[in-house]
Protein backbone atom coordinates (compact mmCIF):
# COMPACT_ATOMS: atom_id res chain seq x y z
CA MET A 1 0.00 0.00 0.00
CA THR A 2 2.82 2.42 0.88
CA ALA A 3 4.48 1.81 -2.48
CA LEU A 4 1.22 2.50 -4.32
CA VAL A 5 0.75 5.82 -2.53
CA ALA A 6 4.30 6.85 -3.44
CA VAL A 7 3.69 6.07 -7.11
CA LEU A 8 0.48 8.10 -7.16
CA LEU A 9 2.22 11.06 -5.58
CA LEU A 10 5.00 10.96 -8.15
CA GLN A 11 2.41 10.92 -10.93
CA GLY A 12 0.72 14.02 -9.59
CA ALA A 13 -2.24 12.37 -7.94
CA PRO A 14 -4.95 15.01 -7.42
CA ASP A 15 -5.68 16.65 -4.09
CA ARG A 16 -7.97 19.50 -3.19
CA GLU A 17 -5.16 21.98 -2.58
CA THR A 18 -3.29 21.44 -5.86
CA CYS A 19 -4.37 23.29 -8.99
CA HIS A 20 -3.23 21.53 -12.15
CA LEU A 21 -4.13 24.39 -14.51
CA GLU A 22 -1.77 27.33 -14.82
CA LEU A 23 -3.40 30.56 -15.95
CA SER A 24 -0.97 32.99 -17.58
CA GLY A 25 -0.77 36.11 -19.70
CA VAL A 26 -4.40 37.00 -19.00
CA SER A 27 -5.60 40.49 -19.82
CA VAL A 28 -9.06 42.04 -19.68
CA GLU A 29 -9.75 44.99 -21.95
CA ASN A 30 -12.80 47.16 -22.49
CA SER A 31 -11.85 47.83 -26.11
CA THR A 32 -13.32 50.76 -27.98
CA LEU A 33 -11.55 49.73 -31.17
CA ARG A 34 -12.89 46.15 -31.08
CA GLN A 35 -16.22 47.22 -29.57
CA ALA A 36 -16.11 44.49 -26.96
CA LEU A 37 -15.13 43.54 -23.43
CA ILE A 38 -12.41 40.94 -24.00
CA ALA A 39 -10.50 38.50 -21.80
CA GLU A 40 -7.53 36.71 -23.36
CA GLY A 41 -4.74 34.49 -22.08
CA SER A 42 -3.73 30.85 -21.88
CA LEU A 43 -4.27 27.74 -19.76
CA VAL A 44 -1.65 25.01 -19.40
CA ASN A 45 -2.17 21.62 -17.80
CA LEU A 46 1.06 21.33 -15.78
CA SER A 47 0.50 17.70 -14.82
CA PRO A 48 0.86 14.29 -16.52
CA LEU A 49 -2.88 13.74 -15.92
CA GLU A 50 -5.74 14.37 -18.34
CA LEU A 51 -8.23 17.01 -17.19
CA GLY A 52 -11.88 16.70 -18.21
CA ASP A 53 -14.89 19.05 -18.29
CA VAL A 54 -12.70 22.14 -18.07
CA SER A 55 -14.54 25.44 -17.74
CA VAL A 56 -13.48 29.04 -17.18
CA GLU A 57 -15.64 31.96 -16.05
CA VAL A 58 -14.33 35.54 -15.97
CA ALA A 59 -15.91 38.10 -13.63
CA VAL A 60 -14.96 41.74 -14.19
CA PHE A 61 -15.24 44.29 -11.37
CA ALA A 62 -15.36 48.07 -11.57
CA ASP A 63 -12.87 50.19 -9.64
CA ASN A 64 -15.42 50.51 -6.81
CA LYS A 65 -15.21 46.68 -6.37
CA VAL A 66 -18.76 46.18 -7.69
CA LEU A 67 -19.29 43.32 -10.17
CA ALA A 68 -19.62 44.90 -13.59
CA ARG A 69 -19.93 41.89 -15.89
CA THR A 70 -19.53 38.12 -16.03
CA LEU A 71 -18.27 37.06 -19.44
CA PRO A 72 -19.63 34.00 -21.28
CA ARG A 73 -18.19 30.75 -19.95
CA ALA A 74 -15.43 29.04 -21.93
CA ALA A 75 -15.28 25.24 -21.91
CA TRP A 76 -13.18 22.35 -23.20
CA PRO A 77 -14.18 18.65 -22.95
CA ARG A 78 -10.58 17.73 -22.10
CA ILE A 79 -7.06 19.12 -21.87
CA ALA A 80 -4.40 16.50 -22.50
CA PRO A 81 -1.46 15.96 -20.13
CA ARG A 82 1.05 18.84 -20.22
CA LYS A 83 -0.83 20.57 -23.05
CA GLY A 84 -2.18 24.11 -23.21
CA VAL A 85 -5.09 26.00 -24.77
CA LEU A 86 -5.83 29.63 -25.51
CA LEU A 87 -8.51 31.53 -23.62
CA SER A 88 -10.48 34.16 -25.53
CA VAL A 89 -13.95 35.30 -24.46
CA LYS A 90 -15.77 38.52 -25.16
CA ASP A 91 -19.04 40.33 -24.56
CA ASP A 92 -20.57 43.72 -25.27
CA PRO A 93 -18.41 46.66 -24.11
CA LEU A 94 -18.96 48.19 -20.69
CA GLY A 95 -19.09 51.75 -21.95
CA ASN A 96 -17.41 54.25 -19.61
CA VAL A 97 -17.26 51.97 -16.57
CA PRO A 98 -13.69 52.15 -15.17
CA LEU A 99 -12.25 48.66 -14.71
CA GLY A 100 -10.87 47.60 -11.36
CA PHE A 101 -9.84 43.94 -11.22
CA PHE A 102 -11.01 40.54 -12.48
CA ARG A 103 -11.52 37.09 -11.01
CA ILE A 104 -11.36 33.87 -12.97
CA LYS A 105 -13.02 30.71 -11.72
CA ILE A 106 -11.75 27.48 -13.24
CA SER A 107 -13.13 24.00 -12.75
CA TYR A 108 -12.15 20.59 -14.07
CA ARG A 109 -12.47 16.90 -13.28
CA ILE A 110 -9.86 14.23 -12.58
CA ASP A 111 -11.21 10.68 -12.48
CA GLY A 112 -14.71 12.08 -12.12
CA VAL A 113 -13.85 14.32 -9.15
CA GLU A 114 -14.41 18.04 -9.63
CA ARG A 115 -11.78 20.62 -8.64
CA VAL A 116 -12.56 24.35 -8.43
CA PHE A 117 -10.02 27.18 -8.07
CA GLU A 118 -10.05 30.92 -8.45
CA TYR A 119 -7.54 33.43 -9.78
CA GLU A 120 -7.58 37.16 -9.10
CA ASP A 121 -5.70 39.41 -11.52
CA GLY A 122 -3.75 36.38 -12.71
CA ARG A 123 -2.80 35.00 -9.25
CA LEU A 124 -4.14 31.88 -7.58
CA ARG A 125 -6.27 32.95 -4.60
CA PHE A 126 -5.89 29.73 -2.63
CA GLY A 127 -4.11 26.42 -2.92
CA ARG A 128 -0.92 25.83 -4.89
CA LEU A 129 0.04 25.10 -8.45
CA TYR A 130 1.13 21.61 -9.42
CA ARG A 131 4.90 21.25 -9.71
CA ASP A 132 6.69 18.35 -11.36
CA PRO A 133 8.47 16.34 -8.64
CA ASP A 134 11.66 16.12 -10.73
CA PRO A 135 14.24 18.45 -9.12
CA GLY A 136 16.21 18.96 -12.32
CA THR A 137 15.82 21.45 -15.15
CA LEU A 138 12.39 21.43 -16.80
CA LEU A 139 11.76 22.75 -20.30
CA GLY A 140 8.47 23.59 -22.00
CA LEU A 141 7.05 25.74 -24.78
CA ALA A 142 5.14 28.99 -24.36
CA GLY A 143 4.09 29.43 -27.99
CA LEU A 144 5.40 31.65 -30.77
CA ARG A 145 6.09 35.36 -30.63
CA SER A 146 5.63 37.43 -33.78
CA VAL A 147 7.37 40.78 -34.31
CA PRO A 148 5.96 42.73 -37.30
CA GLY A 149 8.15 44.15 -39.98
CA SER A 150 7.89 47.81 -40.95
CA SER A 151 7.07 49.30 -44.34
CA ARG A 152 9.40 51.56 -46.29
CA VAL A 153 9.60 53.12 -49.74
CA VAL A 154 12.21 51.64 -52.07
CA ASN A 155 12.43 52.96 -55.65
CA LYS A 156 9.03 54.61 -55.20
CA LYS A 157 7.48 51.32 -54.12
CA VAL A 158 6.26 50.39 -50.64
CA VAL A 159 8.18 47.37 -49.38
CA THR A 160 7.15 45.59 -46.17
CA LEU A 161 9.70 43.57 -44.24
CA PRO A 162 8.30 40.12 -43.33
CA ASP A 163 7.36 39.40 -39.72
CA ALA A 164 9.97 37.73 -37.50
CA LEU A 165 8.91 34.60 -35.63
CA PHE A 166 10.44 33.54 -32.31
CA LEU A 167 9.98 30.35 -30.30
CA ARG A 168 9.42 30.84 -26.55
CA LEU A 169 11.20 28.09 -24.59
CA ARG A 170 10.20 27.93 -20.90
CA VAL A 171 12.92 27.15 -18.37
CA GLU A 172 11.94 26.01 -14.86
CA ASN A 173 14.19 25.10 -11.91
CA LEU A 174 16.84 27.31 -13.47
CA ASP A 175 20.29 26.76 -11.99
CA GLU A 176 22.31 29.99 -12.25
CA LYS A 177 25.53 27.95 -12.36
CA ALA A 178 24.30 25.48 -14.96
CA ARG A 179 21.89 27.18 -17.33
CA PRO A 180 20.67 25.07 -20.26
CA GLU A 181 23.11 25.63 -23.12
CA GLY A 182 23.07 23.52 -26.22
CA GLN A 183 21.59 22.95 -29.65
CA ILE A 184 18.00 23.59 -30.62
CA GLU A 185 16.55 22.40 -33.91
CA MET A 186 13.21 23.77 -35.09
CA THR A 187 11.31 22.56 -38.15
CA LEU A 188 8.35 24.67 -39.28
CA SER A 189 5.68 23.31 -41.61
CA LEU A 190 3.06 25.42 -43.38
CA ASP A 191 -0.05 23.69 -44.72
CA GLY A 192 1.76 20.38 -44.36
CA LYS A 193 4.89 21.46 -46.27
CA LYS A 194 8.16 21.57 -44.36
CA GLN A 195 9.99 24.88 -44.65
CA GLY A 196 13.36 23.44 -43.64
CA SER A 197 15.05 23.11 -40.28
CA VAL A 198 16.63 25.95 -38.31
CA LYS A 199 19.46 25.15 -35.90
CA ARG A 200 20.59 27.55 -33.20
CA THR A 201 23.19 27.28 -30.45
CA VAL A 202 22.11 28.58 -27.04
CA GLN A 203 25.08 29.97 -25.10
CA ALA A 204 25.62 31.53 -21.67
CA GLY A 205 25.70 35.05 -23.13
CA HIS A 206 22.16 34.72 -24.44
CA TYR A 207 20.86 34.66 -20.85
CA ARG A 208 22.33 38.13 -20.33
CA LEU A 209 20.41 39.61 -23.27
CA ASP A 210 17.00 40.72 -21.96
CA ALA A 211 14.22 39.60 -24.30
CA ARG A 212 12.00 42.39 -22.99
CA GLY A 213 14.25 44.79 -24.90
CA LEU A 214 13.51 43.31 -28.33
CA PRO A 215 12.35 46.02 -30.76
CA ALA A 216 8.62 46.34 -31.48
CA THR A 217 9.30 46.08 -35.22
CA ASP A 218 12.01 44.69 -37.51
CA ALA A 219 13.52 42.29 -34.96
CA ASP A 220 16.40 40.12 -36.14
CA PRO A 221 15.07 36.53 -36.45
CA GLN A 222 18.49 35.15 -35.50
CA VAL A 223 18.45 36.73 -32.04
CA ILE A 224 18.36 34.58 -28.88
CA ALA A 225 17.48 36.33 -25.61
CA PHE A 226 16.10 35.54 -22.16
CA ASP A 227 13.11 36.98 -20.31
CA PRO A 228 13.95 36.73 -16.56
CA VAL A 229 10.38 37.45 -15.48
CA ALA A 230 8.65 34.90 -17.70
CA ARG A 231 11.66 32.56 -17.34
CA GLU A 232 11.82 31.81 -21.04
CA LEU A 233 14.33 31.86 -23.85
CA VAL A 234 13.12 33.74 -26.93
CA ILE A 235 14.76 32.04 -29.92
CA GLY A 236 14.63 33.37 -33.48
CA LEU A 237 12.93 30.99 -35.89
CA CYS A 238 12.41 32.67 -39.28
CA ARG A 239 10.75 35.46 -41.20
CA LEU A 240 7.19 34.93 -42.37
CA GLY A 241 5.95 36.89 -45.38
CA GLU A 242 2.43 38.27 -45.68
CA ASP A 243 1.57 35.66 -48.30
CA ARG A 244 2.15 32.86 -45.76
CA ARG A 245 0.50 34.34 -42.66
CA ASP A 246 -2.76 32.44 -43.23
CA ALA A 247 -1.05 29.07 -43.71
CA ARG A 248 -1.65 26.40 -41.06
CA PRO A 249 1.61 26.03 -39.08
CA ALA A 250 3.05 22.95 -37.41
CA LEU A 251 6.31 22.60 -35.52
CA ASP A 252 8.90 20.03 -34.48
CA VAL A 253 11.40 21.05 -31.78
CA LYS A 254 14.41 19.30 -30.27
CA PHE A 255 16.71 20.75 -27.61
CA THR A 256 19.84 18.89 -26.55
CA TRP A 257 21.99 19.70 -23.52
CA LYS A 258 24.42 17.63 -21.43
CA LYS A 259 23.50 14.35 -23.15
CA GLN A 260 19.83 15.09 -22.45
CA ALA A 261 17.16 15.87 -25.00
CA TRP A 262 13.69 17.37 -25.00
CA THR A 263 11.63 16.66 -28.12
CA TRP A 264 8.21 17.85 -29.25
CA THR A 265 6.88 16.64 -32.59
CA GLY A 266 3.81 17.39 -34.67
CA LEU A 267 2.90 20.43 -32.61
CA GLU A 268 -0.02 22.60 -33.67
CA PRO A 269 -1.13 26.05 -32.45
CA PRO A 270 -1.03 27.37 -29.79
CA PHE A 271 2.27 25.49 -29.22
CA LEU A 272 1.86 25.38 -25.43
CA GLU A 273 3.70 22.59 -23.60
CA ALA A 274 4.13 22.40 -19.82
CA PRO A 275 7.69 22.29 -18.47
CA ARG A 276 8.86 18.70 -18.00
CA PRO A 277 12.01 16.64 -17.48
CA ALA A 278 14.16 15.49 -20.39
CA ASP A 279 13.08 12.56 -22.56
CA PRO A 280 13.77 9.12 -21.11
CA PRO A 281 17.11 7.77 -22.40
CA SER A 282 15.35 5.13 -24.50
CA ALA A 283 13.38 7.88 -26.30
CA THR A 284 16.48 9.88 -27.25
CA PRO A 285 17.96 8.93 -30.63
């Protein structure tokens, strides 16, 4: 019996105090331009367990702490282990009501048992987030970052520089004396057609370049930088012309470091993968 309990704990067995869904990058905007009250962000299942009947409800409060609006509920039948989804809900605009804060109630089921947690302004109000029991470095994916190119006149013609795409590689349990340095290989496919592989070398100096300082336009797609707040490497992937922006992307990623490898294959948008340990040795070519 003791051995069974230990195994369940290592696998992230659910308890009422542990929230398996990480809510990040959430913003609530009363947009005049889009004529809507909008909540956007992402949800990532941090655990190796499947979550069922996932629902999210966003309550927006005015600056006098009075409930101003509850947005339509978002729901997913399941979120696979260590996978993420995008959150985007909207309703009619609030007019001139000044926004104060927002609360987000999330619920899901594990093995038929419901769990309910609440975030306020992006922070968990009670309980704790699930953390992988592995004490070593954990790597995950936080999606793609697009930096638009600017337009300029060349020979009396308007020329627009293609957008620059960057991969966001999450780094958890970061050891300041042994930061992940190594080779990353990224293969982008558009509408099922591979665009070739891009290989980059992550070095110690890249952790000293603050990704928050990347330019708002015309970023170099070969740049590698680190965001110390989000704890993620921002790694240049390629330029993407306007004629390919509507193509359906897919991505294969492999990062190797100290005889360890992390691989993600056949990824589709939103390219959200929870931080995890390296691949088992038998899974590494």
